[in-house]
C-alpha atoms as a PDB file:
ATOM      1  CA  MET A   1     -35.675 -52.623 -74.487  1.00  0.00           C
ATOM      2  CA  LEU A   2     -39.381 -53.280 -75.110  1.00  0.00           C
ATOM      3  CA  GLN A   3     -39.092 -56.878 -73.900  1.00  0.00           C
ATOM      4  CA  TYR A   4     -37.294 -55.688 -70.776  1.00  0.00           C
ATOM      5  CA  ILE A   5     -40.050 -53.171 -70.010  1.00  0.00           C
ATOM      6  CA  ILE A   6     -42.774 -55.785 -70.530  1.00  0.00           C
ATOM      7  CA  ARG A   7     -40.987 -58.230 -68.206  1.00  0.00           C
ATOM      8  CA  ARG A   8     -40.593 -55.574 -65.537  1.00  0.00           C
ATOM      9  CA  VAL A   9     -44.242 -54.530 -65.755  1.00  0.00           C
ATOM     10  CA  LEU A  10     -45.399 -58.137 -65.475  1.00  0.00           C
ATOM     11  CA  GLY A  11     -43.040 -58.617 -62.529  1.00  0.00           C
ATOM     12  CA  MET A  12     -44.603 -55.617 -60.793  1.00  0.00           C
ATOM     13  CA  ILE A  13     -48.053 -57.249 -60.692  1.00  0.00           C
ATOM     14  CA  PRO A  14     -47.369 -59.810 -57.902  1.00  0.00           C
ATOM     15  CA  ILE A  15     -45.423 -57.166 -55.955  1.00  0.00           C
ATOM     16  CA  ILE A  16     -48.363 -54.759 -56.112  1.00  0.00           C
ATOM     17  CA  PHE A  17     -50.685 -57.576 -55.014  1.00  0.00           C
ATOM     18  CA  LEU A  18     -48.500 -58.385 -51.986  1.00  0.00           C
ATOM     19  CA  ILE A  19     -48.194 -54.706 -51.092  1.00  0.00           C
ATOM     20  CA  SER A  20     -51.977 -54.303 -51.281  1.00  0.00           C
ATOM     21  CA  VAL A  21     -52.358 -57.189 -48.826  1.00  0.00           C
ATOM     22  CA  VAL A  22     -49.829 -55.559 -46.480  1.00  0.00           C
ATOM     23  CA  VAL A  23     -51.529 -52.141 -46.698  1.00  0.00           C
ATOM     24  CA  PHE A  24     -54.956 -53.661 -46.065  1.00  0.00           C
ATOM     25  CA  THR A  25     -53.668 -55.747 -43.141  1.00  0.00           C
ATOM     26  CA  LEU A  26     -51.874 -52.826 -41.484  1.00  0.00           C
ATOM     27  CA  ALA A  27     -54.993 -50.685 -41.791  1.00  0.00           C
ATOM     28  CA  LYS A  28     -57.056 -53.405 -40.100  1.00  0.00           C
ATOM     29  CA  LEU A  29     -54.477 -53.801 -37.313  1.00  0.00           C
ATOM     30  CA  MET A  30     -54.683 -50.125 -36.419  1.00  0.00           C
ATOM     31  CA  PRO A  31     -56.991 -49.183 -33.524  1.00  0.00           C
ATOM     32  CA  GLY A  32     -60.533 -48.427 -34.590  1.00  0.00           C
ATOM     33  CA  ASP A  33     -61.978 -48.719 -38.049  1.00  0.00           C
ATOM     34  CA  ALA A  34     -63.748 -46.657 -40.682  1.00  0.00           C
ATOM     35  CA  LEU A  35     -66.899 -46.478 -38.568  1.00  0.00           C
ATOM     36  CA  SER A  36     -65.099 -45.204 -35.459  1.00  0.00           C
ATOM     37  CA  GLY A  37     -63.684 -42.412 -37.599  1.00  0.00           C
ATOM     38  CA  LYS A  38     -67.169 -41.518 -38.770  1.00  0.00           C
ATOM     39  CA  ILE A  39     -69.111 -41.494 -35.472  1.00  0.00           C
ATOM     40  CA  ASP A  40     -68.400 -41.223 -31.755  1.00  0.00           C
ATOM     41  CA  PRO A  41     -68.697 -44.763 -30.332  1.00  0.00           C
ATOM     42  CA  LEU A  42     -69.023 -43.478 -26.750  1.00  0.00           C
ATOM     43  CA  ASN A  43     -72.092 -41.346 -27.485  1.00  0.00           C
ATOM     44  CA  SER A  44     -73.873 -43.586 -29.986  1.00  0.00           C
ATOM     45  CA  ASP A  45     -76.457 -46.310 -29.551  1.00  0.00           C
ATOM     46  CA  PRO A  46     -74.741 -49.744 -29.556  1.00  0.00           C
ATOM     47  CA  GLN A  47     -77.525 -51.180 -31.709  1.00  0.00           C
ATOM     48  CA  TYR A  48     -77.054 -48.383 -34.247  1.00  0.00           C
ATOM     49  CA  ILE A  49     -73.290 -49.042 -34.275  1.00  0.00           C
ATOM     50  CA  GLU A  50     -73.859 -52.742 -34.894  1.00  0.00           C
ATOM     51  CA  GLU A  51     -76.302 -52.027 -37.704  1.00  0.00           C
ATOM     52  CA  MET A  52     -73.840 -49.650 -39.335  1.00  0.00           C
ATOM     53  CA  ARG A  53     -71.006 -52.177 -39.027  1.00  0.00           C
ATOM     54  CA  GLU A  54     -73.188 -54.786 -40.700  1.00  0.00           C
ATOM     55  CA  LYS A  55     -74.236 -52.352 -43.417  1.00  0.00           C
ATOM     56  CA  MET A  56     -70.633 -51.328 -44.140  1.00  0.00           C
ATOM     57  CA  GLY A  57     -69.461 -54.956 -44.182  1.00  0.00           C
ATOM     58  CA  LEU A  58     -67.080 -54.504 -41.247  1.00  0.00           C
ATOM     59  CA  ASN A  59     -68.316 -57.729 -39.656  1.00  0.00           C
ATOM     60  CA  ASP A  60     -67.444 -59.792 -42.738  1.00  0.00           C
ATOM     61  CA  PRO A  61     -64.325 -62.019 -42.687  1.00  0.00           C
ATOM     62  CA  LEU A  62     -61.107 -60.194 -43.573  1.00  0.00           C
ATOM     63  CA  PRO A  63     -60.615 -62.076 -46.875  1.00  0.00           C
ATOM     64  CA  THR A  64     -64.109 -60.997 -47.947  1.00  0.00           C
ATOM     65  CA  GLN A  65     -63.401 -57.398 -46.997  1.00  0.00           C
ATOM     66  CA  TYR A  66     -60.091 -57.472 -48.898  1.00  0.00           C
ATOM     67  CA  ILE A  67     -61.675 -58.894 -52.051  1.00  0.00           C
ATOM     68  CA  ARG A  68     -64.383 -56.233 -51.919  1.00  0.00           C
ATOM     69  CA  TRP A  69     -61.779 -53.469 -51.410  1.00  0.00           C
ATOM     70  CA  ILE A  70     -59.336 -54.647 -54.091  1.00  0.00           C
ATOM     71  CA  GLY A  71     -62.230 -55.151 -56.510  1.00  0.00           C
ATOM     72  CA  GLY A  72     -63.152 -51.504 -56.099  1.00  0.00           C
ATOM     73  CA  VAL A  73     -59.508 -50.455 -56.451  1.00  0.00           C
ATOM     74  CA  LEU A  74     -59.199 -52.263 -59.783  1.00  0.00           C
ATOM     75  CA  GLN A  75     -62.191 -50.219 -60.968  1.00  0.00           C
ATOM     76  CA  GLY A  76     -60.690 -46.970 -59.685  1.00  0.00           C
ATOM     77  CA  ASP A  77     -62.972 -46.831 -56.646  1.00  0.00           C
ATOM     78  CA  PHE A  78     -61.122 -46.427 -53.329  1.00  0.00           C
ATOM     79  CA  GLY A  79     -64.294 -45.709 -51.400  1.00  0.00           C
ATOM     80  CA  ASP A  80     -65.359 -42.465 -49.741  1.00  0.00           C
ATOM     81  CA  SER A  81     -63.587 -40.234 -47.254  1.00  0.00           C
ATOM     82  CA  PHE A  82     -65.590 -40.161 -44.031  1.00  0.00           C
ATOM     83  CA  VAL A  83     -63.898 -36.921 -42.943  1.00  0.00           C
ATOM     84  CA  HIS A  84     -64.177 -34.931 -46.168  1.00  0.00           C
ATOM     85  CA  LYS A  85     -67.484 -36.527 -47.241  1.00  0.00           C
ATOM     86  CA  MET A  86     -66.405 -37.150 -50.824  1.00  0.00           C
ATOM     87  CA  PRO A  87     -64.917 -39.944 -52.988  1.00  0.00           C
ATOM     88  CA  VAL A  88     -61.266 -40.670 -52.235  1.00  0.00           C
ATOM     89  CA  MET A  89     -60.124 -40.334 -55.857  1.00  0.00           C
ATOM     90  CA  GLU A  90     -61.814 -36.936 -56.118  1.00  0.00           C
ATOM     91  CA  LEU A  91     -60.104 -35.814 -52.903  1.00  0.00           C
ATOM     92  CA  VAL A  92     -56.698 -37.085 -54.044  1.00  0.00           C
ATOM     93  CA  GLY A  93     -57.248 -35.426 -57.411  1.00  0.00           C
ATOM     94  CA  GLU A  94     -57.725 -32.069 -55.670  1.00  0.00           C
ATOM     95  CA  ARG A  95     -54.498 -32.386 -53.652  1.00  0.00           C
ATOM     96  CA  LEU A  96     -52.335 -34.059 -56.306  1.00  0.00           C
ATOM     97  CA  PRO A  97     -51.605 -30.921 -58.430  1.00  0.00           C
ATOM     98  CA  ASN A  98     -50.180 -29.146 -55.366  1.00  0.00           C
ATOM     99  CA  THR A  99     -47.789 -32.003 -54.658  1.00  0.00           C
ATOM    100  CA  ILE A 100     -46.765 -32.218 -58.316  1.00  0.00           C
ATOM    101  CA  ILE A 101     -45.985 -28.484 -58.422  1.00  0.00           C
ATOM    102  CA  LEU A 102     -44.039 -28.706 -55.167  1.00  0.00           C
ATOM    103  CA  GLY A 103     -42.162 -31.828 -56.268  1.00  0.00           C
ATOM    104  CA  ILE A 104     -41.156 -30.506 -59.686  1.00  0.00           C
ATOM    105  CA  SER A 105     -40.040 -27.182 -58.195  1.00  0.00           C
ATOM    106  CA  SER A 106     -37.938 -28.895 -55.540  1.00  0.00           C
ATOM    107  CA  LEU A 107     -36.417 -31.237 -58.137  1.00  0.00           C
ATOM    108  CA  LEU A 108     -35.380 -28.291 -60.323  1.00  0.00           C
ATOM    109  CA  ILE A 109     -33.764 -26.632 -57.312  1.00  0.00           C
ATOM    110  CA  THR A 110     -32.025 -29.855 -56.291  1.00  0.00           C
ATOM    111  CA  TYR A 111     -30.552 -30.688 -59.680  1.00  0.00           C
ATOM    112  CA  MET A 112     -29.561 -27.124 -60.553  1.00  0.00           C
ATOM    113  CA  LEU A 113     -27.751 -26.529 -57.261  1.00  0.00           C
ATOM    114  CA  ALA A 114     -26.196 -30.002 -57.236  1.00  0.00           C
ATOM    115  CA  PHE A 115     -24.951 -29.649 -60.816  1.00  0.00           C
ATOM    116  CA  LEU A 116     -23.437 -26.199 -60.276  1.00  0.00           C
ATOM    117  CA  MET A 117     -21.808 -26.937 -56.918  1.00  0.00           C
ATOM    118  CA  GLY A 118     -20.782 -30.495 -57.793  1.00  0.00           C
ATOM    119  CA  ARG A 119     -19.206 -29.362 -61.067  1.00  0.00           C
ATOM    120  CA  TYR A 120     -17.239 -26.615 -59.325  1.00  0.00           C
ATOM    121  CA  SER A 121     -16.083 -28.865 -56.462  1.00  0.00           C
ATOM    122  CA  GLY A 122     -15.121 -31.669 -58.847  1.00  0.00           C
ATOM    123  CA  ARG A 123     -13.036 -29.404 -61.054  1.00  0.00           C
ATOM    124  CA  HIS A 124     -11.482 -27.405 -58.188  1.00  0.00           C
ATOM    125  CA  ALA A 125     -11.074 -30.241 -55.701  1.00  0.00           C
ATOM    126  CA  TYR A 126      -9.484 -29.428 -52.331  1.00  0.00           C
ATOM    127  CA  SER A 127      -9.677 -25.690 -52.950  1.00  0.00           C
ATOM    128  CA  VAL A 128     -11.155 -23.119 -50.556  1.00  0.00           C
ATOM    129  CA  GLY A 129     -14.393 -23.092 -52.544  1.00  0.00           C
ATOM    130  CA  ASP A 130     -14.577 -26.882 -52.465  1.00  0.00           C
ATOM    131  CA  TYR A 131     -14.136 -26.972 -48.687  1.00  0.00           C
ATOM    132  CA  LEU A 132     -16.762 -24.236 -48.292  1.00  0.00           C
ATOM    133  CA  ILE A 133     -19.300 -26.136 -50.423  1.00  0.00           C
ATOM    134  CA  SER A 134     -18.548 -29.372 -48.565  1.00  0.00           C
ATOM    135  CA  GLY A 135     -19.058 -27.627 -45.225  1.00  0.00           C
ATOM    136  CA  VAL A 136     -22.420 -26.248 -46.300  1.00  0.00           C
ATOM    137  CA  ASN A 137     -23.458 -29.683 -47.603  1.00  0.00           C
ATOM    138  CA  TYR A 138     -22.497 -31.480 -44.400  1.00  0.00           C
ATOM    139  CA  LEU A 139     -24.412 -28.855 -42.420  1.00  0.00           C
ATOM    140  CA  ALA A 140     -27.469 -29.431 -44.623  1.00  0.00           C
ATOM    141  CA  LEU A 141     -27.190 -33.185 -44.094  1.00  0.00           C
ATOM    142  CA  ALA A 142     -27.004 -32.712 -40.324  1.00  0.00           C
ATOM    143  CA  ILE A 143     -29.988 -30.381 -39.993  1.00  0.00           C
ATOM    144  CA  PRO A 144     -33.377 -32.158 -39.866  1.00  0.00           C
ATOM    145  CA  SER A 145     -35.822 -31.023 -42.512  1.00  0.00           C
ATOM    146  CA  PHE A 146     -38.389 -29.823 -39.974  1.00  0.00           C
ATOM    147  CA  VAL A 147     -35.780 -27.621 -38.291  1.00  0.00           C
ATOM    148  CA  ALA A 148     -34.755 -26.131 -41.653  1.00  0.00           C
ATOM    149  CA  ALA A 149     -38.432 -25.519 -42.460  1.00  0.00           C
ATOM    150  CA  LEU A 150     -39.051 -23.695 -39.183  1.00  0.00           C
ATOM    151  CA  ILE A 151     -35.932 -21.548 -39.653  1.00  0.00           C
ATOM    152  CA  ALA A 152     -36.996 -20.711 -43.214  1.00  0.00           C
ATOM    153  CA  ILE A 153     -40.490 -19.714 -42.041  1.00  0.00           C
ATOM    154  CA  TYR A 154     -39.060 -17.501 -39.293  1.00  0.00           C
ATOM    155  CA  VAL A 155     -36.517 -15.757 -41.534  1.00  0.00           C
ATOM    156  CA  PHE A 156     -38.209 -15.439 -44.936  1.00  0.00           C
ATOM    157  CA  ALA A 157     -41.896 -15.372 -43.963  1.00  0.00           C
ATOM    158  CA  ILE A 158     -42.054 -13.741 -40.523  1.00  0.00           C
ATOM    159  CA  LYS A 159     -38.995 -11.479 -40.357  1.00  0.00           C
ATOM    160  CA  LEU A 160     -38.550 -10.515 -44.017  1.00  0.00           C
ATOM    161  CA  GLY A 161     -42.118 -11.111 -45.192  1.00  0.00           C
ATOM    162  CA  TRP A 162     -41.005 -12.100 -48.677  1.00  0.00           C
ATOM    163  CA  VAL A 163     -43.245 -15.168 -49.039  1.00  0.00           C
ATOM    164  CA  PRO A 164     -46.281 -16.683 -47.251  1.00  0.00           C
ATOM    165  CA  ALA A 165     -45.653 -19.135 -44.439  1.00  0.00           C
ATOM    166  CA  SER A 166     -48.473 -21.614 -45.100  1.00  0.00           C
ATOM    167  CA  GLY A 167     -51.144 -22.723 -47.527  1.00  0.00           C
ATOM    168  CA  SER A 168     -51.039 -23.045 -51.306  1.00  0.00           C
ATOM    169  CA  ILE A 169     -53.120 -20.047 -52.386  1.00  0.00           C
ATOM    170  CA  GLY A 170     -54.013 -16.657 -50.962  1.00  0.00           C
ATOM    171  CA  SER A 171     -57.501 -15.824 -49.729  1.00  0.00           C
ATOM    172  CA  GLY A 172     -59.887 -14.035 -52.046  1.00  0.00           C
ATOM    173  CA  VAL A 173     -57.957 -14.971 -55.199  1.00  0.00           C
ATOM    174  CA  GLU A 174     -60.059 -15.885 -58.212  1.00  0.00           C
ATOM    175  CA  VAL A 175     -59.226 -19.306 -59.623  1.00  0.00           C
ATOM    176  CA  GLY A 176     -57.643 -19.144 -63.083  1.00  0.00           C
ATOM    177  CA  SER A 177     -56.718 -15.465 -62.897  1.00  0.00           C
ATOM    178  CA  PHE A 178     -53.188 -14.083 -63.184  1.00  0.00           C
ATOM    179  CA  ASP A 179     -53.129 -13.316 -59.446  1.00  0.00           C
ATOM    180  CA  TYR A 180     -54.056 -16.940 -58.794  1.00  0.00           C
ATOM    181  CA  TYR A 181     -50.910 -18.274 -60.477  1.00  0.00           C
ATOM    182  CA  VAL A 182     -48.730 -15.604 -58.868  1.00  0.00           C
ATOM    183  CA  SER A 183     -50.106 -16.551 -55.451  1.00  0.00           C
ATOM    184  CA  LYS A 184     -49.553 -20.221 -56.246  1.00  0.00           C
ATOM    185  CA  ILE A 185     -45.894 -19.573 -57.039  1.00  0.00           C
ATOM    186  CA  LYS A 186     -45.363 -17.471 -53.915  1.00  0.00           C
ATOM    187  CA  HIS A 187     -46.824 -20.177 -51.672  1.00  0.00           C
ATOM    188  CA  THR A 188     -44.681 -22.859 -53.325  1.00  0.00           C
ATOM    189  CA  ILE A 189     -41.306 -21.066 -53.208  1.00  0.00           C
ATOM    190  CA  LEU A 190     -40.498 -21.582 -49.532  1.00  0.00           C
ATOM    191  CA  PRO A 191     -41.446 -25.288 -49.132  1.00  0.00           C
ATOM    192  CA  ALA A 192     -39.819 -26.080 -52.503  1.00  0.00           C
ATOM    193  CA  LEU A 193     -36.637 -24.276 -51.456  1.00  0.00           C
ATOM    194  CA  VAL A 194     -36.478 -26.204 -48.186  1.00  0.00           C
ATOM    195  CA  LEU A 195     -37.291 -29.547 -49.788  1.00  0.00           C
ATOM    196  CA  GLY A 196     -34.934 -29.020 -52.737  1.00  0.00           C
ATOM    197  CA  SER A 197     -31.954 -27.578 -50.885  1.00  0.00           C
ATOM    198  CA  MET A 198     -31.981 -30.295 -48.225  1.00  0.00           C
ATOM    199  CA  ALA A 199     -31.664 -32.971 -50.929  1.00  0.00           C
ATOM    200  CA  THR A 200     -28.910 -31.107 -52.771  1.00  0.00           C
ATOM    201  CA  ALA A 201     -26.093 -32.026 -50.396  1.00  0.00           C
ATOM    202  CA  SER A 202     -25.882 -35.742 -51.171  1.00  0.00           C
ATOM    203  CA  TYR A 203     -26.146 -35.199 -54.949  1.00  0.00           C
ATOM    204  CA  THR A 204     -23.436 -32.524 -54.866  1.00  0.00           C
ATOM    205  CA  GLN A 205     -20.989 -34.742 -53.004  1.00  0.00           C
ATOM    206  CA  PHE A 206     -21.848 -37.667 -55.245  1.00  0.00           C
ATOM    207  CA  LEU A 207     -21.102 -35.678 -58.408  1.00  0.00           C
ATOM    208  CA  ARG A 208     -17.938 -34.180 -56.918  1.00  0.00           C
ATOM    209  CA  ASN A 209     -16.483 -37.512 -55.857  1.00  0.00           C
ATOM    210  CA  ASP A 210     -17.328 -39.139 -59.190  1.00  0.00           C
ATOM    211  CA  MET A 211     -15.650 -36.308 -61.115  1.00  0.00           C
ATOM    212  CA  ILE A 212     -12.512 -36.581 -58.984  1.00  0.00           C
ATOM    213  CA  GLU A 213     -12.389 -40.333 -59.568  1.00  0.00           C
ATOM    214  CA  SER A 214     -13.003 -39.942 -63.319  1.00  0.00           C
ATOM    215  CA  SER A 215     -10.244 -37.335 -63.627  1.00  0.00           C
ATOM    216  CA  ARG A 216      -7.700 -39.999 -62.648  1.00  0.00           C
ATOM    217  CA  LYS A 217      -8.723 -42.548 -65.280  1.00  0.00           C
ATOM    218  CA  ASP A 218      -6.682 -43.517 -68.327  1.00  0.00           C
ATOM    219  CA  TYR A 219      -8.890 -41.870 -70.945  1.00  0.00           C
ATOM    220  CA  VAL A 220      -8.458 -38.504 -69.188  1.00  0.00           C
ATOM    221  CA  ARG A 221      -4.669 -38.912 -69.096  1.00  0.00           C
ATOM    222  CA  THR A 222      -4.749 -39.752 -72.782  1.00  0.00           C
ATOM    223  CA  ALA A 223      -6.797 -36.644 -73.562  1.00  0.00           C
ATOM    224  CA  ARG A 224      -4.335 -34.480 -71.619  1.00  0.00           C
ATOM    225  CA  ALA A 225      -1.403 -36.107 -73.368  1.00  0.00           C
ATOM    226  CA  LYS A 226      -2.931 -35.162 -76.723  1.00  0.00           C
ATOM    227  CA  GLY A 227      -3.080 -31.532 -75.639  1.00  0.00           C
ATOM    228  CA  THR A 228      -6.844 -31.284 -75.167  1.00  0.00           C
ATOM    229  CA  LYS A 229      -7.970 -28.186 -73.281  1.00  0.00           C
ATOM    230  CA  GLU A 230      -8.904 -28.662 -69.625  1.00  0.00           C
ATOM    231  CA  SER A 231     -12.346 -27.148 -70.197  1.00  0.00           C
ATOM    232  CA  VAL A 232     -13.049 -29.700 -72.940  1.00  0.00           C
ATOM    233  CA  ILE A 233     -11.743 -32.546 -70.791  1.00  0.00           C
ATOM    234  CA  TYR A 234     -13.999 -31.645 -67.871  1.00  0.00           C
ATOM    235  CA  ASN A 235     -17.101 -30.691 -69.840  1.00  0.00           C
ATOM    236  CA  LYS A 236     -17.021 -33.319 -72.571  1.00  0.00           C
ATOM    237  CA  HIS A 237     -15.309 -36.311 -70.977  1.00  0.00           C
ATOM    238  CA  ILE A 238     -15.397 -36.172 -67.180  1.00  0.00           C
ATOM    239  CA  LEU A 239     -18.699 -34.350 -66.593  1.00  0.00           C
ATOM    240  CA  ARG A 240     -20.590 -36.344 -69.229  1.00  0.00           C
ATOM    241  CA  ASN A 241     -19.635 -39.653 -67.582  1.00  0.00           C
ATOM    242  CA  SER A 242     -20.064 -38.414 -64.013  1.00  0.00           C
ATOM    243  CA  VAL A 243     -23.548 -37.025 -64.594  1.00  0.00           C
ATOM    244  CA  ILE A 244     -24.939 -40.392 -65.753  1.00  0.00           C
ATOM    245  CA  PRO A 245     -25.583 -41.752 -62.223  1.00  0.00           C
ATOM    246  CA  ILE A 246     -27.236 -38.445 -61.263  1.00  0.00           C
ATOM    247  CA  ILE A 247     -29.630 -38.699 -64.225  1.00  0.00           C
ATOM    248  CA  THR A 248     -30.607 -42.242 -63.308  1.00  0.00           C
ATOM    249  CA  LEU A 249     -31.553 -41.078 -59.804  1.00  0.00           C
ATOM    250  CA  LEU A 250     -34.350 -39.065 -61.412  1.00  0.00           C
ATOM    251  CA  GLY A 251     -36.440 -42.225 -61.621  1.00  0.00           C
ATOM    252  CA  PHE A 252     -36.216 -42.767 -57.871  1.00  0.00           C
ATOM    253  CA  ASP A 253     -37.000 -39.111 -57.235  1.00  0.00           C
ATOM    254  CA  ILE A 254     -40.333 -39.462 -59.017  1.00  0.00           C
ATOM    255  CA  ALA A 255     -41.670 -41.505 -56.114  1.00  0.00           C
ATOM    256  CA  ALA A 256     -40.045 -39.109 -53.652  1.00  0.00           C
ATOM    257  CA  LEU A 257     -42.072 -36.281 -55.208  1.00  0.00           C
ATOM    258  CA  PHE A 258     -45.142 -37.642 -53.449  1.00  0.00           C
ATOM    259  CA  GLY A 259     -43.835 -39.504 -50.424  1.00  0.00           C
ATOM    260  CA  GLY A 260     -40.829 -37.467 -49.351  1.00  0.00           C
ATOM    261  CA  ALA A 261     -42.657 -34.158 -48.931  1.00  0.00           C
ATOM    262  CA  THR A 262     -44.844 -35.324 -46.046  1.00  0.00           C
ATOM    263  CA  ILE A 263     -42.951 -33.488 -43.306  1.00  0.00           C
ATOM    264  CA  THR A 264     -42.486 -30.346 -45.383  1.00  0.00           C
ATOM    265  CA  GLU A 265     -46.137 -30.205 -46.422  1.00  0.00           C
ATOM    266  CA  THR A 266     -47.261 -30.715 -42.820  1.00  0.00           C
ATOM    267  CA  ILE A 267     -45.063 -27.935 -41.402  1.00  0.00           C
ATOM    268  CA  PHE A 268     -46.078 -25.468 -44.112  1.00  0.00           C
ATOM    269  CA  SER A 269     -49.732 -26.618 -44.001  1.00  0.00           C
ATOM    270  CA  TYR A 270     -49.361 -27.150 -47.726  1.00  0.00           C
ATOM    271  CA  PRO A 271     -52.442 -29.071 -48.936  1.00  0.00           C
ATOM    272  CA  GLY A 272     -50.744 -31.870 -50.844  1.00  0.00           C
ATOM    273  CA  ILE A 273     -50.737 -35.653 -50.765  1.00  0.00           C
ATOM    274  CA  GLY A 274     -48.295 -35.871 -47.850  1.00  0.00           C
ATOM    275  CA  TYR A 275     -50.334 -33.520 -45.681  1.00  0.00           C
ATOM    276  CA  LEU A 276     -53.496 -35.406 -46.620  1.00  0.00           C
ATOM    277  CA  PHE A 277     -51.892 -38.691 -45.553  1.00  0.00           C
ATOM    278  CA  VAL A 278     -50.984 -37.288 -42.119  1.00  0.00           C
ATOM    279  CA  GLU A 279     -54.517 -35.940 -41.727  1.00  0.00           C
ATOM    280  CA  SER A 280     -56.053 -39.286 -42.677  1.00  0.00           C
ATOM    281  CA  VAL A 281     -53.939 -41.187 -40.151  1.00  0.00           C
ATOM    282  CA  GLY A 282     -54.844 -38.781 -37.351  1.00  0.00           C
ATOM    283  CA  SER A 283     -58.561 -38.838 -38.141  1.00  0.00           C
ATOM    284  CA  ARG A 284     -58.688 -42.604 -38.923  1.00  0.00           C
ATOM    285  CA  ASP A 285     -59.820 -41.927 -42.466  1.00  0.00           C
ATOM    286  CA  TYR A 286     -58.744 -45.401 -43.557  1.00  0.00           C
ATOM    287  CA  SER A 287     -60.000 -45.232 -47.136  1.00  0.00           C
ATOM    288  CA  VAL A 288     -57.781 -42.225 -47.865  1.00  0.00           C
ATOM    289  CA  MET A 289     -54.824 -43.651 -45.970  1.00  0.00           C
ATOM    290  CA  MET A 290     -54.930 -46.978 -47.814  1.00  0.00           C
ATOM    291  CA  ALA A 291     -55.323 -45.279 -51.210  1.00  0.00           C
ATOM    292  CA  ILE A 292     -52.301 -43.010 -50.683  1.00  0.00           C
ATOM    293  CA  ALA A 293     -50.134 -45.819 -49.296  1.00  0.00           C
ATOM    294  CA  LEU A 294     -50.910 -48.041 -52.285  1.00  0.00           C
ATOM    295  CA  MET A 295     -50.360 -45.159 -54.701  1.00  0.00           C
ATOM    296  CA  LEU A 296     -46.931 -44.379 -53.223  1.00  0.00           C
ATOM    297  CA  THR A 297     -45.953 -48.037 -53.552  1.00  0.00           C
ATOM    298  CA  ILE A 298     -46.916 -48.145 -57.222  1.00  0.00           C
ATOM    299  CA  LEU A 299     -45.079 -44.871 -57.861  1.00  0.00           C
ATOM    300  CA  THR A 300     -41.955 -46.301 -56.235  1.00  0.00           C
ATOM    301  CA  LEU A 301     -42.052 -49.322 -58.540  1.00  0.00           C
ATOM    302  CA  ILE A 302     -42.610 -47.085 -61.566  1.00  0.00           C
ATOM    303  CA  GLY A 303     -39.731 -44.877 -60.431  1.00  0.00           C
ATOM    304  CA  ASN A 304     -37.411 -47.881 -60.251  1.00  0.00           C
ATOM    305  CA  LEU A 305     -38.458 -48.896 -63.765  1.00  0.00           C
ATOM    306  CA  ILE A 306     -37.856 -45.384 -65.122  1.00  0.00           C
ATOM    307  CA  ALA A 307     -34.440 -45.293 -63.432  1.00  0.00           C
ATOM    308  CA  ASP A 308     -33.408 -48.526 -65.165  1.00  0.00           C
ATOM    309  CA  ILE A 309     -34.676 -47.265 -68.527  1.00  0.00           C
ATOM    310  CA  LEU A 310     -32.855 -43.942 -68.152  1.00  0.00           C
ATOM    311  CA  TYR A 311     -29.666 -45.774 -67.259  1.00  0.00           C
ATOM    312  CA  GLY A 312     -29.898 -47.753 -70.472  1.00  0.00           C
ATOM    313  CA  LEU A 313     -30.609 -44.637 -72.534  1.00  0.00           C
ATOM    314  CA  VAL A 314     -27.870 -42.351 -71.192  1.00  0.00           C
ATOM    315  CA  ASP A 315     -25.158 -45.009 -71.045  1.00  0.00           C
ATOM    316  CA  PRO A 316     -24.635 -46.730 -74.420  1.00  0.00           C
ATOM    317  CA  ARG A 317     -22.618 -49.449 -72.707  1.00  0.00           C
ATOM    318  CA  ILE A 318     -25.794 -50.700 -71.056  1.00  0.00           C
ATOM    319  CA  ARG A 319     -28.153 -52.830 -73.115  1.00  0.00           C
ATOM    320  CA  LEU A 320     -31.494 -53.795 -71.613  1.00  0.00           C
ATOM    321  CA  ASN A 321     -32.642 -56.822 -73.579  1.00  0.00           C
END
């Protein structure tokens, strides 16, 4: 297992290098540059603009600019945000806890609902309850996430007034107090519910179909022939084997914690990494945009590695040497 992990980590290095080149190139191909996001080119002195471009190194050859940028990245320096007037890592550090809280909450909702509904549908296949759950899941798959978010805001925030519609903390709340954490939870409930419930449908159907397929295998017939109780057969034999692929998907969901919540965070004005990325693209804050894009890539690779490790841990038939 250790050798496998070392090989995978070493194999990630050239991939990260290639991705960094792609991210840097795409940022340079976009209209404007870091300077145009900082000043108004139409109302500024051309000589001043040229001096600033020379000072910031924007006139240097692209390979030189890339080496300077990647050198700073290796030292943990992604530059400064021209919009927020602060270091990029400090800005990301402020938004990252919000995304982590939102991601973990949505994951708990996803896996709890998927496990409960998938287990019921798999054990009571082709029943009225199974058809009802399948109908709800197909409806959730058909509805775009932004539509579900708007409906949730209208119903739960505007009409019922149960939870706030935007932001991550209420105004006038003292940081670190009990009211602060209560407000944090209230602001996270609605976007987490939307993000988690929309991802539940595919996991539920996946678990249901796998349980139905496992119930027809020889080891299940043998257990029934020996007189084993149906509850034991489903809970100990069928469910244990069917839940293995669901557990391995957790590794891929780690990257989705940060990248998949972009639309949800934007609609709810939830100040997380996804919302910050959309802001940086719109305001041409290239330092922030490049840092988040590279971070999401690395998290995706780490998620794939964790998924492979989990698969080897939960399934004894798999040996990662």
